[in-house]
Amino acid sequence: AMSLWPNKGDADPRPAQGSAYERVAAVAPRQPAVPEGAFGALRLPMLDVPVVPKKSAEA
């Protein structure tokens, strides 16, 4: 899994509390629970999910 908060000891890239919304990049874990190369391993960068066209209404 990835998070939007820093790993322990790293600088916090998030904007200050109370400031305007700002998108931040995901933070990869330093010690992932799932081994690299495993089926469920985190792979960065994340690929965009393709847009699925709506089905046409058939009468």
N, C-alpha and C. Protein backbone atom coordinates (compact mmCIF):
# COMPACT_ATOMS: atom_id res chain seq x y z
N ALA A 1 0.84 -1.18 0.00
CA ALA A 1 0.00 0.00 0.00
C ALA A 1 0.87 1.23 0.00
N MET A 2 0.31 2.31 -0.41
CA MET A 2 1.03 3.58 -0.36
C MET A 2 0.23 4.54 0.50
N SER A 3 0.85 5.62 0.88
CA SER A 3 0.16 6.58 1.73
C SER A 3 0.43 7.99 1.26
N LEU A 4 -0.25 8.94 1.87
CA LEU A 4 -0.03 10.35 1.56
C LEU A 4 0.65 11.04 2.73
N TRP A 5 1.18 10.26 3.68
CA TRP A 5 1.97 10.83 4.76
C TRP A 5 3.36 10.24 4.67
N PRO A 6 4.36 10.90 5.25
CA PRO A 6 5.75 10.46 5.07
C PRO A 6 6.12 9.22 5.88
N ASN A 7 7.19 8.56 5.46
CA ASN A 7 7.78 7.49 6.25
C ASN A 7 8.38 8.10 7.50
N LYS A 8 8.52 7.31 8.55
CA LYS A 8 9.07 7.80 9.81
C LYS A 8 10.46 8.40 9.58
N GLY A 9 10.64 9.64 10.04
CA GLY A 9 11.92 10.33 9.91
C GLY A 9 12.06 11.17 8.66
N ASP A 10 11.15 11.05 7.69
CA ASP A 10 11.21 11.84 6.46
C ASP A 10 10.48 13.17 6.65
N ALA A 11 10.81 14.14 5.80
CA ALA A 11 10.12 15.44 5.82
C ALA A 11 8.67 15.24 5.39
N ASP A 12 7.77 16.06 5.94
CA ASP A 12 6.34 15.96 5.63
C ASP A 12 6.01 16.90 4.47
N PRO A 13 5.67 16.36 3.27
CA PRO A 13 5.39 17.21 2.11
C PRO A 13 3.98 17.80 2.09
N ARG A 14 3.15 17.43 3.05
CA ARG A 14 1.76 17.91 3.03
C ARG A 14 1.69 19.39 3.38
N PRO A 15 0.68 20.12 2.85
CA PRO A 15 0.53 21.54 3.19
C PRO A 15 0.14 21.69 4.66
N ALA A 16 0.38 22.87 5.20
CA ALA A 16 0.06 23.14 6.60
C ALA A 16 -1.44 23.01 6.84
N GLN A 17 -1.80 22.57 8.04
CA GLN A 17 -3.20 22.42 8.39
C GLN A 17 -3.90 23.77 8.31
N GLY A 18 -5.08 23.81 7.71
CA GLY A 18 -5.84 25.04 7.57
C GLY A 18 -5.58 25.76 6.25
N SER A 19 -4.55 25.35 5.49
CA SER A 19 -4.27 25.99 4.21
C SER A 19 -5.13 25.36 3.12
N ALA A 20 -5.08 25.94 1.93
CA ALA A 20 -5.89 25.46 0.81
C ALA A 20 -5.47 24.05 0.40
N TYR A 21 -6.41 23.33 -0.23
CA TYR A 21 -6.13 21.97 -0.70
C TYR A 21 -5.00 21.98 -1.72
N GLU A 22 -4.14 21.02 -1.61
CA GLU A 22 -3.03 20.88 -2.55
C GLU A 22 -2.77 19.39 -2.75
N ARG A 23 -2.75 18.94 -4.00
CA ARG A 23 -2.52 17.52 -4.27
C ARG A 23 -1.05 17.21 -4.01
N VAL A 24 -0.78 16.11 -3.31
CA VAL A 24 0.59 15.69 -3.04
C VAL A 24 0.82 14.31 -3.65
N ALA A 25 2.06 14.01 -3.95
CA ALA A 25 2.40 12.72 -4.54
C ALA A 25 2.33 11.63 -3.47
N ALA A 26 2.02 10.42 -3.89
CA ALA A 26 2.00 9.28 -2.98
C ALA A 26 3.41 8.98 -2.49
N VAL A 27 3.51 8.43 -1.30
CA VAL A 27 4.80 8.09 -0.70
C VAL A 27 4.95 6.57 -0.68
N ALA A 28 5.98 6.08 -1.32
CA ALA A 28 6.23 4.64 -1.33
C ALA A 28 6.79 4.21 0.02
N PRO A 29 6.42 3.04 0.51
CA PRO A 29 6.93 2.58 1.80
C PRO A 29 8.41 2.22 1.72
N ARG A 30 9.13 2.48 2.81
CA ARG A 30 10.54 2.12 2.87
C ARG A 30 10.73 0.62 3.06
N GLN A 31 9.84 0.03 3.84
CA GLN A 31 9.88 -1.41 4.11
C GLN A 31 8.51 -2.01 3.81
N PRO A 32 8.22 -2.30 2.53
CA PRO A 32 6.89 -2.82 2.18
C PRO A 32 6.63 -4.19 2.80
N ALA A 33 5.37 -4.44 3.13
CA ALA A 33 4.99 -5.72 3.73
C ALA A 33 4.96 -6.84 2.69
N VAL A 34 4.71 -6.49 1.44
CA VAL A 34 4.65 -7.48 0.36
C VAL A 34 5.98 -7.45 -0.39
N PRO A 35 6.62 -8.59 -0.62
CA PRO A 35 7.91 -8.63 -1.30
C PRO A 35 7.84 -8.08 -2.72
N GLU A 36 8.93 -7.44 -3.16
CA GLU A 36 9.00 -6.92 -4.52
C GLU A 36 8.88 -8.08 -5.51
N GLY A 37 8.09 -7.91 -6.55
CA GLY A 37 7.90 -8.96 -7.54
C GLY A 37 6.71 -9.86 -7.25
N ALA A 38 6.12 -9.76 -6.06
CA ALA A 38 4.94 -10.56 -5.73
C ALA A 38 3.74 -10.04 -6.52
N PHE A 39 2.74 -10.89 -6.69
CA PHE A 39 1.55 -10.51 -7.45
C PHE A 39 0.91 -9.23 -6.91
N GLY A 40 0.84 -9.09 -5.59
CA GLY A 40 0.19 -7.93 -4.98
C GLY A 40 1.13 -6.80 -4.63
N ALA A 41 2.34 -6.79 -5.17
CA ALA A 41 3.33 -5.76 -4.84
C ALA A 41 2.92 -4.40 -5.40
N LEU A 42 3.32 -3.36 -4.71
CA LEU A 42 3.06 -1.99 -5.15
C LEU A 42 3.96 -1.68 -6.34
N ARG A 43 3.38 -1.18 -7.39
CA ARG A 43 4.15 -0.79 -8.56
C ARG A 43 3.92 0.68 -8.85
N LEU A 44 4.98 1.47 -8.71
CA LEU A 44 4.89 2.91 -8.98
C LEU A 44 5.64 3.21 -10.26
N PRO A 45 5.24 4.17 -11.07
CA PRO A 45 4.06 5.01 -10.86
C PRO A 45 2.79 4.23 -11.17
N MET A 46 1.72 4.66 -10.53
CA MET A 46 0.42 4.03 -10.74
C MET A 46 -0.08 4.41 -12.13
N LEU A 47 -0.63 3.45 -12.85
CA LEU A 47 -1.18 3.73 -14.17
C LEU A 47 -2.60 4.24 -14.03
N ASP A 48 -2.99 5.15 -14.93
CA ASP A 48 -4.35 5.67 -14.92
C ASP A 48 -5.34 4.56 -15.27
N VAL A 49 -6.51 4.63 -14.69
CA VAL A 49 -7.57 3.68 -15.00
C VAL A 49 -8.24 4.15 -16.28
N PRO A 50 -8.37 3.29 -17.29
CA PRO A 50 -8.98 3.73 -18.54
C PRO A 50 -10.46 4.01 -18.37
N VAL A 51 -10.96 4.94 -19.18
CA VAL A 51 -12.38 5.28 -19.16
C VAL A 51 -13.14 4.18 -19.89
N VAL A 52 -14.17 3.66 -19.27
CA VAL A 52 -14.99 2.62 -19.88
C VAL A 52 -16.24 3.28 -20.46
N PRO A 53 -16.48 3.12 -21.77
CA PRO A 53 -17.67 3.75 -22.36
C PRO A 53 -18.94 3.11 -21.83
N LYS A 54 -19.99 3.93 -21.72
CA LYS A 54 -21.28 3.42 -21.25
C LYS A 54 -21.90 2.55 -22.33
N LYS A 55 -22.66 1.54 -21.89
CA LYS A 55 -23.35 0.68 -22.85
C LYS A 55 -24.48 1.47 -23.49
N SER A 56 -24.70 1.22 -24.77
CA SER A 56 -25.81 1.89 -25.43
C SER A 56 -27.11 1.18 -25.06
N ALA A 57 -28.17 1.96 -24.97
CA ALA A 57 -29.48 1.39 -24.62
C ALA A 57 -30.03 0.64 -25.82
N GLU A 58 -30.32 -0.63 -25.63
CA GLU A 58 -30.89 -1.44 -26.72
C GLU A 58 -32.37 -1.64 -26.45
N ALA A 59 -33.20 -1.42 -27.48
CA ALA A 59 -34.65 -1.52 -27.31
C ALA A 59 -35.16 -2.88 -27.59
